[in-house]
């Protein structure tokens, strides 16, 4: 599987915000341990690649 960009700007921003919120909830104990799934959202936002999107064949970026 080749790691080609498949996340657009809006999708990346949403993943960053949602991921940070989930991590914050996990750290405070409100939504633990599932809140650590937010780290996956943050990581995929930074690398601009989502493995699940690649499997399904979905791309949310206009330039890719």
N, C-alpha and C. Protein backbone atom coordinates (compact mmCIF):
# COMPACT_ATOMS: atom_id res chain seq x y z
N UNK A 1 0.84 -1.18 0.00
CA UNK A 1 0.00 0.00 0.00
C UNK A 1 0.89 1.24 0.00
N UNK A 2 0.66 2.10 -0.94
CA UNK A 2 1.45 3.32 -1.06
C UNK A 2 0.79 4.44 -0.25
N UNK A 3 1.60 5.23 0.44
CA UNK A 3 1.08 6.30 1.27
C UNK A 3 0.95 7.59 0.47
N UNK A 4 -0.11 7.71 -0.29
CA UNK A 4 -0.38 8.94 -1.04
C UNK A 4 -1.37 9.78 -0.25
N UNK A 5 -1.23 11.07 -0.36
CA UNK A 5 -2.13 11.98 0.33
C UNK A 5 -3.57 11.69 -0.07
N UNK A 6 -4.44 11.55 0.93
CA UNK A 6 -5.85 11.36 0.64
C UNK A 6 -6.77 12.16 1.57
N UNK A 7 -6.18 13.10 2.32
CA UNK A 7 -6.97 13.95 3.21
C UNK A 7 -6.87 15.40 2.77
N UNK A 8 -8.02 16.05 2.68
CA UNK A 8 -8.06 17.46 2.34
C UNK A 8 -7.90 18.33 3.58
N UNK A 9 -7.83 19.63 3.35
CA UNK A 9 -7.60 20.57 4.45
C UNK A 9 -8.70 20.56 5.49
N UNK A 10 -9.95 20.56 5.05
CA UNK A 10 -11.07 20.58 5.99
C UNK A 10 -11.11 19.28 6.81
N UNK A 11 -10.87 18.17 6.16
CA UNK A 11 -10.85 16.87 6.84
C UNK A 11 -9.73 16.83 7.87
N UNK A 12 -8.56 17.34 7.51
CA UNK A 12 -7.42 17.36 8.43
C UNK A 12 -7.71 18.23 9.65
N UNK A 13 -8.31 19.40 9.42
CA UNK A 13 -8.62 20.30 10.54
C UNK A 13 -9.63 19.66 11.48
N UNK A 14 -10.64 19.02 10.91
CA UNK A 14 -11.65 18.35 11.73
C UNK A 14 -11.02 17.23 12.55
N UNK A 15 -10.12 16.48 11.94
CA UNK A 15 -9.44 15.40 12.66
C UNK A 15 -8.57 15.95 13.79
N UNK A 16 -7.89 17.07 13.56
CA UNK A 16 -7.06 17.68 14.61
C UNK A 16 -7.90 18.12 15.80
N UNK A 17 -9.00 18.80 15.52
CA UNK A 17 -9.87 19.31 16.59
C UNK A 17 -10.51 18.16 17.36
N UNK A 18 -11.08 17.20 16.62
CA UNK A 18 -11.73 16.06 17.26
C UNK A 18 -10.72 15.22 18.04
N UNK A 19 -9.56 14.99 17.44
CA UNK A 19 -8.53 14.21 18.11
C UNK A 19 -8.04 14.86 19.38
N UNK A 20 -7.80 16.17 19.32
CA UNK A 20 -7.35 16.90 20.52
C UNK A 20 -8.41 16.86 21.62
N UNK A 21 -9.67 16.99 21.23
CA UNK A 21 -10.76 16.94 22.21
C UNK A 21 -10.85 15.56 22.86
N UNK A 22 -10.73 14.51 22.08
CA UNK A 22 -10.77 13.15 22.63
C UNK A 22 -9.60 12.89 23.56
N UNK A 23 -8.42 13.36 23.19
CA UNK A 23 -7.24 13.19 24.04
C UNK A 23 -7.42 13.95 25.35
N UNK A 24 -7.94 15.17 25.27
CA UNK A 24 -8.17 15.96 26.48
C UNK A 24 -9.18 15.27 27.40
N UNK A 25 -10.23 14.69 26.82
CA UNK A 25 -11.22 13.97 27.63
C UNK A 25 -10.62 12.73 28.27
N UNK A 26 -9.73 12.05 27.55
CA UNK A 26 -9.09 10.86 28.11
C UNK A 26 -8.14 11.22 29.25
N UNK A 27 -7.38 12.30 29.07
CA UNK A 27 -6.42 12.72 30.09
C UNK A 27 -7.14 13.14 31.37
N UNK A 28 -8.28 13.78 31.24
CA UNK A 28 -9.02 14.22 32.42
C UNK A 28 -9.85 13.11 33.03
N UNK A 29 -9.92 11.95 32.35
CA UNK A 29 -10.65 10.81 32.90
C UNK A 29 -12.12 10.79 32.57
N UNK A 30 -12.60 11.73 31.78
CA UNK A 30 -14.01 11.81 31.44
C UNK A 30 -14.39 10.71 30.46
N UNK A 31 -13.55 10.46 29.50
CA UNK A 31 -13.87 9.52 28.41
C UNK A 31 -12.70 8.57 28.20
N UNK A 32 -12.23 7.97 29.28
CA UNK A 32 -11.08 7.07 29.18
C UNK A 32 -11.57 5.64 29.11
N UNK A 33 -10.88 4.73 28.54
CA UNK A 33 -9.65 4.82 27.76
C UNK A 33 -9.90 5.06 26.27
N UNK A 34 -11.14 5.06 25.83
CA UNK A 34 -11.42 5.22 24.40
C UNK A 34 -11.02 6.57 23.85
N UNK A 35 -10.83 7.53 24.68
CA UNK A 35 -10.42 8.85 24.23
C UNK A 35 -9.06 8.88 23.57
N UNK A 36 -8.23 7.88 23.87
CA UNK A 36 -6.90 7.84 23.27
C UNK A 36 -6.95 7.50 21.78
N UNK A 37 -8.09 7.13 21.27
CA UNK A 37 -8.27 6.94 19.84
C UNK A 37 -8.04 8.28 19.13
N UNK A 38 -8.18 9.36 19.85
CA UNK A 38 -7.92 10.69 19.31
C UNK A 38 -6.50 10.84 18.79
N UNK A 39 -5.57 10.07 19.33
CA UNK A 39 -4.19 10.12 18.85
C UNK A 39 -4.10 9.64 17.40
N UNK A 40 -4.94 8.71 17.03
CA UNK A 40 -4.98 8.22 15.64
C UNK A 40 -5.45 9.34 14.72
N UNK A 41 -6.47 10.07 15.14
CA UNK A 41 -6.98 11.18 14.34
C UNK A 41 -5.90 12.26 14.15
N UNK A 42 -5.19 12.57 15.21
CA UNK A 42 -4.14 13.59 15.14
C UNK A 42 -3.01 13.12 14.23
N UNK A 43 -2.61 11.87 14.37
CA UNK A 43 -1.52 11.33 13.55
C UNK A 43 -1.89 11.34 12.07
N UNK A 44 -3.10 10.90 11.74
CA UNK A 44 -3.50 10.87 10.33
C UNK A 44 -3.62 12.28 9.76
N UNK A 45 -3.97 13.24 10.59
CA UNK A 45 -4.05 14.62 10.12
C UNK A 45 -2.66 15.15 9.78
N UNK A 46 -1.67 14.80 10.56
CA UNK A 46 -0.31 15.28 10.30
C UNK A 46 0.34 14.62 9.09
N UNK A 47 0.07 13.34 8.87
CA UNK A 47 0.69 12.66 7.74
C UNK A 47 -0.14 12.77 6.46
N UNK A 48 -1.31 13.36 6.56
CA UNK A 48 -2.22 13.59 5.42
C UNK A 48 -2.65 12.29 4.74
N UNK A 49 -2.71 11.22 5.51
CA UNK A 49 -3.06 9.92 4.96
C UNK A 49 -3.91 9.14 5.95
N UNK A 50 -5.01 8.58 5.47
CA UNK A 50 -5.87 7.74 6.28
C UNK A 50 -5.92 6.35 5.65
N UNK A 51 -5.44 5.32 6.35
CA UNK A 51 -5.44 3.97 5.79
C UNK A 51 -6.85 3.47 5.45
N UNK A 52 -7.82 3.81 6.26
CA UNK A 52 -9.19 3.39 6.00
C UNK A 52 -9.71 4.00 4.70
N UNK A 53 -9.41 5.27 4.48
CA UNK A 53 -9.80 5.93 3.23
C UNK A 53 -9.14 5.23 2.04
N UNK A 54 -7.89 4.82 2.19
CA UNK A 54 -7.17 4.16 1.11
C UNK A 54 -7.81 2.81 0.77
N UNK A 55 -8.24 2.08 1.77
CA UNK A 55 -8.88 0.79 1.54
C UNK A 55 -10.19 0.96 0.80
N UNK A 56 -10.96 1.98 1.20
CA UNK A 56 -12.27 2.24 0.59
C UNK A 56 -12.13 2.96 -0.75
N UNK A 57 -11.01 3.63 -0.96
CA UNK A 57 -10.79 4.39 -2.20
C UNK A 57 -11.32 5.80 -2.14
N UNK A 58 -11.42 6.36 -0.94
CA UNK A 58 -11.96 7.70 -0.73
C UNK A 58 -10.83 8.72 -0.63
N UNK A 59 -11.03 9.88 -1.25
CA UNK A 59 -10.10 11.00 -1.14
C UNK A 59 -10.91 12.25 -0.89
N UNK A 60 -10.46 13.07 0.07
CA UNK A 60 -11.17 14.31 0.38
C UNK A 60 -10.39 15.54 -0.05
N UNK A 61 -9.32 15.35 -0.78
CA UNK A 61 -8.52 16.49 -1.23
C UNK A 61 -8.76 16.73 -2.71
N UNK A 62 -8.76 17.98 -3.09
CA UNK A 62 -8.97 18.35 -4.49
C UNK A 62 -7.70 18.20 -5.31
N UNK A 63 -6.55 18.43 -4.70
CA UNK A 63 -5.30 18.42 -5.42
C UNK A 63 -4.65 17.04 -5.56
N UNK A 64 -5.25 16.02 -5.02
CA UNK A 64 -4.63 14.69 -5.13
C UNK A 64 -5.42 13.76 -6.03
